[in-house]
Each structure stands twice: as structure tokens, then as C-alpha cells.
């Protein structure tokens, strides 16, 4: 009878302390991995946004070529109004050098790069757009020219020559 009572005693204090120490060690090694998840998620979102921009560029270039447009080396001046492509839900002004959609069109109420993207403005800082650049992300430097060594955002350069460029800046993600 004494042996059955001895089996029902429960855990000793030493056993409980050992389990707590083991759980503490596991938590200390796992916590940094969870902290890095936020950074990885931001970078993945920006990479996805870059892919959406690339798809938009490909679509605009295809529509421009169907319209019979081709890149030219100098500004066609008043003929730049020919470099507008209709999408049914709006029109986009394209750059004459590379047939990429301009970041912000100056002719009429044309679609900007941001108009093609389905993004929730609550997820990002306010987008900064100039005629040449579109900046979308989490930590955008205050100036309106590209800075690739700080911030957490995507830069779209619509005037790139020979082609427009999309750059993910992830220094401060």
C-alpha cells in the first residue's frame, strides 16, 4: 500500500524548476525569430508590390505597342499627347523613352502608377509621387528623390532609360 501512495505525490520542486528553466531557454531562442517575422513580412509586401508594378508596366507597354507606339529618343513636344493609352476605366500617360506609365501624368486627369495598384492606404505611409518617381512603403524619406540607404519602401522611376526601374529599399524595415 505504501508504494501506491508514493506514486500519487505529484512533481517535486526540482522537477518544476527544471521544466521552467527549459521553457525559458526555448522562449529566449524563439523570441528573436518572431521579432524578425515583422521585418520579413514588410520586405515580402514590398517585393509583392514590386511585382504588381512590373505587371502594370508590362500591361501598359503592351497596350502602347498595340496602339502603334514605340520608344523615341527625344520628347515629341506637342505630340506627347499621342503617348496616352486608354484602359476603359481611365487613361495613362506613358513616357516616350520607354513606354512606361508616368508616375504622375501632367496631361489631364491621367492614371498614376498608384491608381493601377490595389493598395490600402492605411497599410502604408502616404504615397509620395512626382512626375518621375512613385514612393510607396512604410518609412519613406522626406525628400522627393530616391535614397536607397535608408527607409523601407519601393521606388518606381518612370523615366528610366532605356527602361523604367523598380527598386525595393529595405534598410530600415
C-alpha atoms as a PDB file:
ATOM      1  CA  UNK A   1       0.000   0.000   0.000  1.00  0.00           C
ATOM      2  CA  UNK A   2       2.799   2.436   0.641  1.00  0.00           C
ATOM      3  CA  UNK A   3       4.094   2.157  -2.915  1.00  0.00           C
ATOM      4  CA  UNK A   4       0.754   3.260  -4.439  1.00  0.00           C
ATOM      5  CA  UNK A   5       0.650   6.338  -2.198  1.00  0.00           C
ATOM      6  CA  UNK A   6       4.197   7.214  -3.191  1.00  0.00           C
ATOM      7  CA  UNK A   7       3.242   7.277  -6.930  1.00  0.00           C
ATOM      8  CA  UNK A   8       0.444   9.833  -6.446  1.00  0.00           C
ATOM      9  CA  UNK A   9       2.610  12.548  -4.826  1.00  0.00           C
ATOM     10  CA  UNK A  10       2.987  14.813  -7.942  1.00  0.00           C
ATOM     11  CA  UNK A  11       6.039  16.740  -9.144  1.00  0.00           C
ATOM     12  CA  UNK A  12       8.885  17.752  -6.904  1.00  0.00           C
ATOM     13  CA  UNK A  13      10.021  21.346  -6.713  1.00  0.00           C
ATOM     14  CA  UNK A  14      13.240  20.472  -8.533  1.00  0.00           C
ATOM     15  CA  UNK A  15      11.315  18.921 -11.439  1.00  0.00           C
ATOM     16  CA  UNK A  16       9.140  22.046 -11.766  1.00  0.00           C
ATOM     17  CA  UNK A  17      12.200  24.339 -11.718  1.00  0.00           C
ATOM     18  CA  UNK A  18      13.898  22.253 -14.415  1.00  0.00           C
ATOM     19  CA  UNK A  19      10.802  22.453 -16.651  1.00  0.00           C
ATOM     20  CA  UNK A  20      10.543  26.232 -16.148  1.00  0.00           C
ATOM     21  CA  UNK A  21      14.247  26.689 -16.993  1.00  0.00           C
ATOM     22  CA  UNK A  22      13.849  24.600 -20.151  1.00  0.00           C
ATOM     23  CA  UNK A  23      10.792  26.650 -21.207  1.00  0.00           C
ATOM     24  CA  UNK A  24      12.735  29.873 -20.541  1.00  0.00           C
ATOM     25  CA  UNK A  25      15.615  28.728 -22.734  1.00  0.00           C
ATOM     26  CA  UNK A  26      13.219  27.778 -25.520  1.00  0.00           C
ATOM     27  CA  UNK A  27      11.451  31.141 -25.287  1.00  0.00           C
ATOM     28  CA  UNK A  28      14.749  33.045 -25.350  1.00  0.00           C
ATOM     29  CA  UNK A  29      15.871  31.273 -28.519  1.00  0.00           C
ATOM     30  CA  UNK A  30      12.481  31.506 -30.264  1.00  0.00           C
ATOM     31  CA  UNK A  31      11.712  35.185 -29.496  1.00  0.00           C
ATOM     32  CA  UNK A  32      14.250  36.690 -31.941  1.00  0.00           C
ATOM     33  CA  UNK A  33      12.789  34.576 -34.732  1.00  0.00           C
ATOM     34  CA  UNK A  34       9.333  36.064 -34.075  1.00  0.00           C
ATOM     35  CA  UNK A  35      10.753  39.596 -33.992  1.00  0.00           C
ATOM     36  CA  UNK A  36      12.324  39.090 -37.436  1.00  0.00           C
ATOM     37  CA  UNK A  37       8.942  37.997 -38.821  1.00  0.00           C
ATOM     38  CA  UNK A  38       7.771  41.631 -38.914  1.00  0.00           C
ATOM     39  CA  UNK A  39      10.771  42.703 -40.979  1.00  0.00           C
ATOM     40  CA  UNK A  40      10.382  39.724 -43.302  1.00  0.00           C
ATOM     41  CA  UNK A  41       6.670  40.471 -43.728  1.00  0.00           C
ATOM     42  CA  UNK A  42       7.365  44.102 -44.682  1.00  0.00           C
ATOM     43  CA  UNK A  43      10.028  43.085 -47.198  1.00  0.00           C
ATOM     44  CA  UNK A  44       7.715  40.424 -48.660  1.00  0.00           C
ATOM     45  CA  UNK A  45       4.939  43.022 -49.014  1.00  0.00           C
ATOM     46  CA  UNK A  46       7.286  45.430 -50.797  1.00  0.00           C
ATOM     47  CA  UNK A  47       8.506  42.632 -53.086  1.00  0.00           C
ATOM     48  CA  UNK A  48       4.892  41.801 -53.910  1.00  0.00           C
ATOM     49  CA  UNK A  49       4.215  45.469 -54.618  1.00  0.00           C
ATOM     50  CA  UNK A  50       7.226  45.483 -56.945  1.00  0.00           C
ATOM     51  CA  UNK A  51       5.702  42.521 -58.809  1.00  0.00           C
ATOM     52  CA  UNK A  52       2.385  44.360 -59.157  1.00  0.00           C
ATOM     53  CA  UNK A  53       4.189  47.392 -60.547  1.00  0.00           C
ATOM     54  CA  UNK A  54       6.075  45.191 -63.026  1.00  0.00           C
ATOM     55  CA  UNK A  55       2.782  43.647 -64.202  1.00  0.00           C
ATOM     56  CA  UNK A  56       1.303  47.129 -64.624  1.00  0.00           C
ATOM     57  CA  UNK A  57       4.314  48.227 -66.673  1.00  0.00           C
ATOM     58  CA  UNK A  58       4.049  45.139 -68.907  1.00  0.00           C
ATOM     59  CA  UNK A  59       0.321  45.759 -69.432  1.00  0.00           C
ATOM     60  CA  UNK A  60       0.820  49.454 -70.276  1.00  0.00           C
ATOM     61  CA  UNK A  61       3.673  48.676 -72.681  1.00  0.00           C
ATOM     62  CA  UNK A  62       1.570  46.034 -74.445  1.00  0.00           C
ATOM     63  CA  UNK A  63      -1.342  48.466 -74.834  1.00  0.00           C
ATOM     64  CA  UNK A  64       1.050  51.154 -76.150  1.00  0.00           C
ATOM     65  CA  UNK A  65       2.506  48.791 -78.751  1.00  0.00           C
ATOM     66  CA  UNK A  66      -0.975  47.691 -79.821  1.00  0.00           C
ATOM     67  CA  UNK A  67      -1.749  51.379 -80.304  1.00  0.00           C
ATOM     68  CA  UNK A  68       1.298  51.559 -82.601  1.00  0.00           C
ATOM     69  CA  UNK A  69       3.595  53.498 -80.284  1.00  0.00           C
ATOM     70  CA  UNK A  70       7.300  52.856 -79.976  1.00  0.00           C
ATOM     71  CA  UNK A  71      10.012  54.479 -77.860  1.00  0.00           C
ATOM     72  CA  UNK A  72      11.660  57.615 -79.244  1.00  0.00           C
ATOM     73  CA  UNK A  73      14.874  59.296 -78.089  1.00  0.00           C
ATOM     74  CA  UNK A  74      13.608  62.876 -77.801  1.00  0.00           C
ATOM     75  CA  UNK A  75      10.485  64.497 -76.437  1.00  0.00           C
ATOM     76  CA  UNK A  76       7.906  64.748 -79.202  1.00  0.00           C
ATOM     77  CA  UNK A  77       6.762  68.078 -77.706  1.00  0.00           C
ATOM     78  CA  UNK A  78       3.125  68.746 -78.533  1.00  0.00           C
ATOM     79  CA  UNK A  79       2.963  65.236 -79.951  1.00  0.00           C
ATOM     80  CA  UNK A  80       3.365  63.843 -76.441  1.00  0.00           C
ATOM     81  CA  UNK A  81      -0.411  63.781 -76.241  1.00  0.00           C
ATOM     82  CA  UNK A  82      -0.141  60.772 -78.582  1.00  0.00           C
ATOM     83  CA  UNK A  83       1.534  58.920 -75.705  1.00  0.00           C
ATOM     84  CA  UNK A  84      -1.708  58.333 -73.833  1.00  0.00           C
ATOM     85  CA  UNK A  85      -3.185  54.837 -73.537  1.00  0.00           C
ATOM     86  CA  UNK A  86      -6.862  54.167 -72.773  1.00  0.00           C
ATOM     87  CA  UNK A  87      -7.774  51.378 -70.344  1.00  0.00           C
ATOM     88  CA  UNK A  88     -11.539  51.823 -70.288  1.00  0.00           C
ATOM     89  CA  UNK A  89     -11.514  52.918 -66.634  1.00  0.00           C
ATOM     90  CA  UNK A  90      -9.085  55.751 -67.323  1.00  0.00           C
ATOM     91  CA  UNK A  91      -6.128  56.773 -69.421  1.00  0.00           C
ATOM     92  CA  UNK A  92      -2.418  56.627 -68.653  1.00  0.00           C
ATOM     93  CA  UNK A  93       0.267  58.909 -69.958  1.00  0.00           C
ATOM     94  CA  UNK A  94       3.374  56.974 -70.888  1.00  0.00           C
ATOM     95  CA  UNK A  95       6.983  58.081 -71.124  1.00  0.00           C
ATOM     96  CA  UNK A  96       8.136  58.495 -74.736  1.00  0.00           C
ATOM     97  CA  UNK A  97      11.586  56.963 -73.991  1.00  0.00           C
ATOM     98  CA  UNK A  98      10.451  53.609 -72.620  1.00  0.00           C
ATOM     99  CA  UNK A  99       6.626  53.327 -72.906  1.00  0.00           C
ATOM    100  CA  UNK A 100       6.343  53.023 -69.110  1.00  0.00           C
ATOM    101  CA  UNK A 101       3.432  54.680 -67.303  1.00  0.00           C
ATOM    102  CA  UNK A 102       4.478  58.019 -65.837  1.00  0.00           C
ATOM    103  CA  UNK A 103       4.452  58.147 -62.052  1.00  0.00           C
ATOM    104  CA  UNK A 104       2.232  61.200 -62.183  1.00  0.00           C
ATOM    105  CA  UNK A 105       0.928  62.358 -65.526  1.00  0.00           C
ATOM    106  CA  UNK A 106       0.738  66.068 -66.285  1.00  0.00           C
ATOM    107  CA  UNK A 107      -1.718  65.777 -69.175  1.00  0.00           C
ATOM    108  CA  UNK A 108      -5.302  65.961 -67.949  1.00  0.00           C
ATOM    109  CA  UNK A 109      -6.627  63.510 -65.401  1.00  0.00           C
ATOM    110  CA  UNK A 110      -4.465  60.546 -66.360  1.00  0.00           C
ATOM    111  CA  UNK A 111      -3.949  57.462 -64.218  1.00  0.00           C
ATOM    112  CA  UNK A 112      -0.902  57.482 -61.944  1.00  0.00           C
ATOM    113  CA  UNK A 113       1.076  54.334 -61.111  1.00  0.00           C
ATOM    114  CA  UNK A 114      -0.667  54.218 -57.734  1.00  0.00           C
ATOM    115  CA  UNK A 115      -4.079  54.134 -59.476  1.00  0.00           C
ATOM    116  CA  UNK A 116      -3.217  50.766 -61.039  1.00  0.00           C
ATOM    117  CA  UNK A 117      -2.311  49.179 -57.703  1.00  0.00           C
ATOM    118  CA  UNK A 118      -4.849  47.887 -55.233  1.00  0.00           C
ATOM    119  CA  UNK A 119      -3.247  49.074 -52.027  1.00  0.00           C
ATOM    120  CA  UNK A 120      -4.806  50.066 -48.740  1.00  0.00           C
ATOM    121  CA  UNK A 121      -3.519  53.497 -47.794  1.00  0.00           C
ATOM    122  CA  UNK A 122      -3.868  52.567 -44.108  1.00  0.00           C
ATOM    123  CA  UNK A 123      -1.136  49.928 -44.519  1.00  0.00           C
ATOM    124  CA  UNK A 124       1.485  52.375 -45.767  1.00  0.00           C
ATOM    125  CA  UNK A 125       2.705  55.893 -45.182  1.00  0.00           C
ATOM    126  CA  UNK A 126       1.140  58.391 -47.576  1.00  0.00           C
ATOM    127  CA  UNK A 127       2.487  57.733 -51.052  1.00  0.00           C
ATOM    128  CA  UNK A 128       4.888  60.346 -52.422  1.00  0.00           C
ATOM    129  CA  UNK A 129       4.548  60.911 -56.163  1.00  0.00           C
ATOM    130  CA  UNK A 130       6.368  63.214 -58.532  1.00  0.00           C
ATOM    131  CA  UNK A 131       6.211  63.205 -62.319  1.00  0.00           C
ATOM    132  CA  UNK A 132       9.177  60.809 -62.371  1.00  0.00           C
ATOM    133  CA  UNK A 133       9.010  58.876 -59.073  1.00  0.00           C
ATOM    134  CA  UNK A 134       6.466  56.985 -57.009  1.00  0.00           C
ATOM    135  CA  UNK A 135       7.412  56.045 -53.438  1.00  0.00           C
ATOM    136  CA  UNK A 136       5.198  53.552 -51.580  1.00  0.00           C
ATOM    137  CA  UNK A 137       6.078  51.902 -48.281  1.00  0.00           C
ATOM    138  CA  UNK A 138       6.470  52.062 -44.526  1.00  0.00           C
ATOM    139  CA  UNK A 139       9.321  54.504 -43.932  1.00  0.00           C
ATOM    140  CA  UNK A 140       9.767  56.959 -46.805  1.00  0.00           C
ATOM    141  CA  UNK A 141      12.470  59.651 -46.512  1.00  0.00           C
ATOM    142  CA  UNK A 142      11.075  63.183 -46.519  1.00  0.00           C
ATOM    143  CA  UNK A 143      12.728  64.320 -49.740  1.00  0.00           C
ATOM    144  CA  UNK A 144      11.240  63.514 -53.148  1.00  0.00           C
ATOM    145  CA  UNK A 145      14.328  61.950 -54.705  1.00  0.00           C
ATOM    146  CA  UNK A 146      15.447  58.338 -54.273  1.00  0.00           C
ATOM    147  CA  UNK A 147      17.505  57.445 -51.225  1.00  0.00           C
ATOM    148  CA  UNK A 148      18.483  53.781 -51.280  1.00  0.00           C
ATOM    149  CA  UNK A 149      20.411  53.603 -47.998  1.00  0.00           C
ATOM    150  CA  UNK A 150      17.527  54.447 -45.664  1.00  0.00           C
ATOM    151  CA  UNK A 151      13.856  53.682 -45.368  1.00  0.00           C
ATOM    152  CA  UNK A 152      11.523  50.802 -46.122  1.00  0.00           C
ATOM    153  CA  UNK A 153       9.724  51.405 -49.402  1.00  0.00           C
ATOM    154  CA  UNK A 154       9.531  50.827 -53.152  1.00  0.00           C
ATOM    155  CA  UNK A 155      10.825  53.383 -55.672  1.00  0.00           C
ATOM    156  CA  UNK A 156       9.312  53.443 -59.156  1.00  0.00           C
ATOM    157  CA  UNK A 157      11.292  55.561 -61.645  1.00  0.00           C
ATOM    158  CA  UNK A 158       9.166  56.040 -64.750  1.00  0.00           C
ATOM    159  CA  UNK A 159      11.853  57.974 -66.666  1.00  0.00           C
ATOM    160  CA  UNK A 160      14.496  55.242 -66.583  1.00  0.00           C
ATOM    161  CA  UNK A 161      16.429  54.924 -69.800  1.00  0.00           C
ATOM    162  CA  UNK A 162      16.346  52.508 -71.578  1.00  0.00           C
ATOM    163  CA  UNK A 163      13.685  51.140 -69.210  1.00  0.00           C
ATOM    164  CA  UNK A 164      11.806  52.226 -66.114  1.00  0.00           C
ATOM    165  CA  UNK A 165      13.059  50.788 -62.827  1.00  0.00           C
ATOM    166  CA  UNK A 166      11.569  49.468 -59.615  1.00  0.00           C
ATOM    167  CA  UNK A 167      13.768  49.284 -56.525  1.00  0.00           C
ATOM    168  CA  UNK A 168      12.946  47.834 -53.104  1.00  0.00           C
ATOM    169  CA  UNK A 169      14.699  49.701 -50.277  1.00  0.00           C
ATOM    170  CA  UNK A 170      14.723  47.582 -47.111  1.00  0.00           C
ATOM    171  CA  UNK A 171      17.425  49.189 -44.959  1.00  0.00           C
ATOM    172  CA  UNK A 172      15.014  50.271 -42.184  1.00  0.00           C
ATOM    173  CA  UNK A 173      12.299  47.620 -42.406  1.00  0.00           C
END
